[in-house]
Amino acid sequence: MTIRTTMEADEASLAGAVAIRIRDMLIAGEFEPGQKLSEHRVAADFAVSRNTLREAFRFLTSQRLLSYIPNRGVFVTVPDEAAIIDIYRVRAVIQRGAVEAASRGHPAFARMRALVEEGRELGARRDWQKVGTNNMEFHRAMVGLCDSPRLSASFDLVLAELRLAFGQLKDTAHLHEPYIDLNHTLLRALETGDRPASVTALDAYLRQSERGVLGALQHRKAAEPVKSPSTPA
């Protein structure tokens, strides 16, 4: 392998690591939907070259987490209703797989229990943005029941898109509080090993969540239409 090839491989590896960090920041709600990303500022924050950052941006654009608009720059994606419906379709497929794969004593259960308790503490403090992040981590841990790095990686993309859907809404008790107890109910069903009950609980959970997000988004749009990044200023 030549020095040039080695350098190119290292840069590609670094760009991939940067893309993962940005994706995790999206899941944590650290970027706003529609936000323009300053290439200079983000490269400085990550201490990488602009070429490396551009490669990370291209990767995230291919995954629909960022959007490139010619002559304007790179923006965080704003999922619409159709995207949200598809996100929940994918969630149902992957998370039902987690139900089927669940085995008693799996390490993911300990992580899920800890997140349920953390969610209750955050709810008591009424820190709804962190409750939202906690909820994402709970479902991330649930998919860990599959013991599949590929499924977990795919689900991380789904969570990032979902957080961008939530990011269009105000973090409130109405949006997040019900799922603190619902996470506990879902966990109990999984821990009993009753798969039909677990599937029923999961389906009800996802149906309620999808309707809540779509309803809140439609209400917001009716009150104050949200412009797409592609809309001329």
Protein backbone atom coordinates (compact mmCIF):
# COMPACT_ATOMS: atom_id res chain seq x y z
CA MET A 1 0.00 0.00 0.00
CA THR A 2 1.43 3.40 -0.99
CA ILE A 3 1.73 6.34 1.40
CA ARG A 4 -0.95 8.18 -0.60
CA THR A 5 -3.33 5.24 -0.36
CA THR A 6 -2.69 4.94 3.38
CA MET A 7 -3.40 8.65 3.88
CA GLU A 8 -6.62 8.40 1.88
CA ALA A 9 -7.73 5.39 3.95
CA ASP A 10 -6.96 7.25 7.19
CA GLU A 11 -8.91 10.29 6.01
CA ALA A 12 -11.89 8.12 5.04
CA SER A 13 -11.78 6.45 8.47
CA LEU A 14 -11.67 9.85 10.18
CA ALA A 15 -14.55 11.14 8.06
CA GLY A 16 -16.58 8.10 9.09
CA ALA A 17 -15.84 8.77 12.77
CA VAL A 18 -16.87 12.41 12.35
CA ALA A 19 -20.10 11.34 10.64
CA ILE A 20 -20.91 9.04 13.58
CA ARG A 21 -20.25 11.86 16.07
CA ILE A 22 -22.53 14.23 14.15
CA ARG A 23 -25.21 11.54 13.97
CA ASP A 24 -25.01 11.01 17.74
CA MET A 25 -25.31 14.78 18.24
CA LEU A 26 -28.44 14.72 16.07
CA ILE A 27 -29.89 11.94 18.26
CA ALA A 28 -29.12 14.04 21.35
CA GLY A 29 -30.93 17.03 19.83
CA GLU A 30 -27.82 19.20 19.57
CA PHE A 31 -28.67 20.41 16.05
CA GLU A 32 -31.94 21.98 14.95
CA PRO A 33 -33.89 20.76 11.90
CA GLY A 34 -33.19 23.14 9.03
CA GLN A 35 -30.08 24.54 10.73
CA LYS A 36 -27.29 25.59 8.36
CA LEU A 37 -23.97 24.00 9.26
CA SER A 38 -20.97 26.26 8.94
CA GLU A 39 -18.20 24.22 7.37
CA HIS A 40 -15.53 26.41 8.95
CA ARG A 41 -17.05 26.28 12.45
CA VAL A 42 -17.85 22.56 12.48
CA ALA A 43 -14.39 21.66 11.13
CA ALA A 44 -12.83 23.73 13.92
CA ASP A 45 -15.10 22.18 16.57
CA PHE A 46 -14.11 18.67 15.46
CA ALA A 47 -10.46 19.60 14.84
CA VAL A 48 -10.51 18.10 11.33
CA SER A 49 -9.73 19.42 7.89
CA ARG A 50 -12.51 20.83 5.76
CA ASN A 51 -11.90 18.05 3.22
CA THR A 52 -12.53 15.45 5.93
CA LEU A 53 -15.66 17.29 7.06
CA ARG A 54 -16.97 17.52 3.50
CA GLU A 55 -16.62 13.75 3.17
CA ALA A 56 -18.56 13.30 6.43
CA PHE A 57 -21.21 15.72 5.16
CA ARG A 58 -21.50 13.77 1.90
CA PHE A 59 -21.98 10.54 3.83
CA LEU A 60 -24.67 12.01 6.09
CA THR A 61 -26.38 13.56 3.06
CA SER A 62 -26.56 10.11 1.46
CA GLN A 63 -28.28 8.94 4.65
CA ARG A 64 -30.85 11.78 4.49
CA LEU A 65 -29.68 13.38 7.72
CA LEU A 66 -28.23 16.43 5.95
CA SER A 67 -29.23 18.22 2.78
CA TYR A 68 -26.96 20.07 0.36
CA ILE A 69 -28.47 23.04 -1.43
CA PRO A 70 -26.30 24.43 -4.28
CA ASN A 71 -24.99 27.94 -3.64
CA ARG A 72 -26.43 27.90 -0.11
CA GLY A 73 -24.63 25.16 1.81
CA VAL A 74 -25.37 22.16 4.01
CA PHE A 75 -28.48 22.04 6.19
CA VAL A 76 -29.85 19.64 8.78
CA THR A 77 -32.76 17.72 7.25
CA VAL A 78 -36.35 18.59 8.14
CA PRO A 79 -38.38 15.33 8.00
CA ASP A 80 -41.90 15.76 6.63
CA GLU A 81 -45.01 13.72 7.42
CA ALA A 82 -44.24 11.09 4.78
CA ALA A 83 -40.74 10.61 6.23
CA ILE A 84 -42.14 10.27 9.76
CA ILE A 85 -44.64 7.62 8.66
CA ASP A 86 -41.81 5.67 7.02
CA ILE A 87 -39.62 6.06 10.12
CA TYR A 88 -42.30 4.36 12.20
CA ARG A 89 -42.66 1.58 9.62
CA VAL A 90 -38.95 0.88 9.95
CA ARG A 91 -39.11 1.10 13.74
CA ALA A 92 -41.89 -1.50 13.81
CA VAL A 93 -39.88 -3.96 11.71
CA ILE A 94 -36.61 -3.56 13.63
CA GLN A 95 -38.13 -3.42 17.10
CA ARG A 96 -40.40 -6.39 16.53
CA GLY A 97 -37.20 -8.20 15.60
CA ALA A 98 -35.81 -7.18 18.99
CA VAL A 99 -38.88 -8.67 20.67
CA GLU A 100 -38.35 -11.94 18.82
CA ALA A 101 -34.63 -11.98 19.67
CA ALA A 102 -35.03 -11.10 23.36
CA SER A 103 -33.60 -13.66 25.75
CA ARG A 104 -33.80 -13.63 29.53
CA GLY A 105 -30.74 -12.23 31.25
CA HIS A 106 -29.56 -10.31 28.19
CA PRO A 107 -27.27 -7.39 29.22
CA ALA A 108 -29.50 -4.95 27.33
CA PHE A 109 -32.17 -5.36 30.01
CA ALA A 110 -29.91 -3.86 32.68
CA ARG A 111 -29.27 -0.87 30.44
CA MET A 112 -33.00 -0.48 29.76
CA ARG A 113 -33.84 -0.64 33.48
CA ALA A 114 -31.26 2.04 34.24
CA LEU A 115 -32.69 4.25 31.50
CA VAL A 116 -36.24 3.83 32.84
CA GLU A 117 -35.08 5.06 36.25
CA GLU A 118 -33.11 7.90 34.70
CA GLY A 119 -36.16 8.88 32.66
CA ARG A 120 -38.26 9.11 35.83
CA GLU A 121 -35.67 11.35 37.47
CA LEU A 122 -35.48 13.61 34.42
CA GLY A 123 -39.27 13.74 34.27
CA ALA A 124 -39.43 14.78 37.93
CA ARG A 125 -37.06 17.63 37.04
CA ARG A 126 -39.22 18.43 34.00
CA ASP A 127 -36.19 18.41 31.72
CA TRP A 128 -38.15 17.33 28.68
CA GLN A 129 -35.35 17.61 26.14
CA LYS A 130 -33.26 15.18 28.17
CA VAL A 131 -36.31 12.96 28.66
CA GLY A 132 -36.53 12.82 24.86
CA THR A 133 -32.86 11.83 24.60
CA ASN A 134 -33.34 9.24 27.36
CA ASN A 135 -36.24 7.76 25.42
CA MET A 136 -34.08 7.46 22.30
CA GLU A 137 -31.41 5.65 24.32
CA PHE A 138 -34.00 3.26 25.78
CA HIS A 139 -35.08 2.14 22.32
CA ARG A 140 -31.48 2.02 21.17
CA ALA A 141 -30.77 -0.39 24.04
CA MET A 142 -33.85 -2.42 23.12
CA VAL A 143 -32.51 -3.02 19.61
CA GLY A 144 -29.32 -4.24 21.30
CA LEU A 145 -31.34 -7.36 22.19
CA CYS A 146 -30.77 -8.42 18.56
CA ASP A 147 -26.98 -8.60 19.06
CA SER A 148 -26.61 -7.26 15.51
CA PRO A 149 -24.19 -4.38 14.87
CA ARG A 150 -25.78 -3.87 11.44
CA LEU A 151 -29.30 -3.56 12.85
CA SER A 152 -28.07 -1.25 15.59
CA ALA A 153 -26.32 0.97 13.03
CA SER A 154 -29.45 1.08 10.89
CA PHE A 155 -31.57 1.93 13.92
CA ASP A 156 -29.23 4.78 14.87
CA LEU A 157 -30.05 6.42 11.54
CA VAL A 158 -33.75 6.00 12.25
CA LEU A 159 -33.31 7.58 15.70
CA ALA A 160 -31.41 10.52 14.24
CA GLU A 161 -34.22 11.17 11.73
CA LEU A 162 -36.81 10.75 14.47
CA ARG A 163 -35.04 13.29 16.69
CA LEU A 164 -35.14 15.74 13.80
CA ALA A 165 -38.90 15.20 13.63
CA PHE A 166 -39.15 15.91 17.37
CA GLY A 167 -36.85 18.89 16.89
CA GLN A 168 -39.56 20.67 14.93
CA LEU A 169 -41.74 20.62 18.05
CA LYS A 170 -41.42 22.20 21.44
CA ASP A 171 -40.13 19.81 24.11
CA THR A 172 -43.09 19.58 26.51
CA ALA A 173 -44.58 17.20 29.05
CA HIS A 174 -47.37 16.44 26.58
CA LEU A 175 -44.84 15.23 24.01
CA HIS A 176 -42.55 13.19 26.28
CA GLU A 177 -44.07 12.42 29.70
CA PRO A 178 -46.39 9.52 28.71
CA TYR A 179 -43.46 7.47 27.44
CA ILE A 180 -41.66 7.40 30.78
CA ASP A 181 -44.22 4.93 32.14
CA LEU A 182 -44.79 3.28 28.76
CA ASN A 183 -41.09 2.41 28.59
CA HIS A 184 -41.45 0.68 31.96
CA THR A 185 -44.54 -1.22 30.76
CA LEU A 186 -42.73 -2.33 27.61
CA LEU A 187 -39.68 -3.42 29.59
CA ARG A 188 -41.78 -5.51 31.98
CA ALA A 189 -43.47 -7.28 29.07
CA LEU A 190 -40.11 -8.07 27.51
CA GLU A 191 -38.60 -9.33 30.76
CA THR A 192 -41.44 -11.81 31.30
CA GLY A 193 -40.58 -13.44 27.99
CA ASP A 194 -44.21 -13.15 26.83
CA ARG A 195 -43.60 -12.34 23.17
CA PRO A 196 -47.25 -11.85 22.10
CA ALA A 197 -47.77 -9.41 25.00
CA SER A 198 -44.52 -7.66 24.14
CA VAL A 199 -45.51 -7.25 20.48
CA THR A 200 -48.92 -5.92 21.52
CA ALA A 201 -47.31 -3.42 23.92
CA LEU A 202 -44.78 -2.35 21.29
CA ASP A 203 -47.38 -1.89 18.56
CA ALA A 204 -49.58 0.21 20.85
CA TYR A 205 -46.56 2.25 21.92
CA LEU A 206 -45.43 2.99 18.36
CA ARG A 207 -48.96 3.77 17.20
CA GLN A 208 -49.46 6.28 20.03
CA SER A 209 -46.06 7.85 19.43
CA GLU A 210 -46.56 8.19 15.67
CA ARG A 211 -49.98 9.76 16.06
CA GLY A 212 -48.67 12.14 18.70
CA VAL A 213 -45.76 13.34 16.58
CA LEU A 214 -47.84 13.72 13.42
CA GLY A 215 -50.63 15.49 15.30
CA ALA A 216 -48.27 17.92 17.00
CA LEU A 217 -46.47 18.64 13.73
CA GLN A 218 -49.71 19.29 11.87
CA HIS A 219 -50.89 21.56 14.69
CA ARG A 220 -47.67 23.56 14.53
CA LYS A 221 -47.80 23.87 10.77
CA ALA A 222 -51.38 25.08 10.93
CA ALA A 223 -50.38 27.76 13.44
CA GLU A 224 -47.03 28.73 11.93
CA PRO A 225 -45.96 27.12 8.63
CA VAL A 226 -42.38 25.84 8.70
CA LYS A 227 -40.28 26.78 5.67
CA SER A 228 -38.11 24.16 4.03
CA PRO A 229 -34.37 25.00 3.79
CA SER A 230 -34.83 24.89 0.02
CA THR A 231 -37.37 27.72 0.14
CA PRO A 232 -35.75 30.95 -1.13
CA ALA A 233 -35.19 33.48 1.62
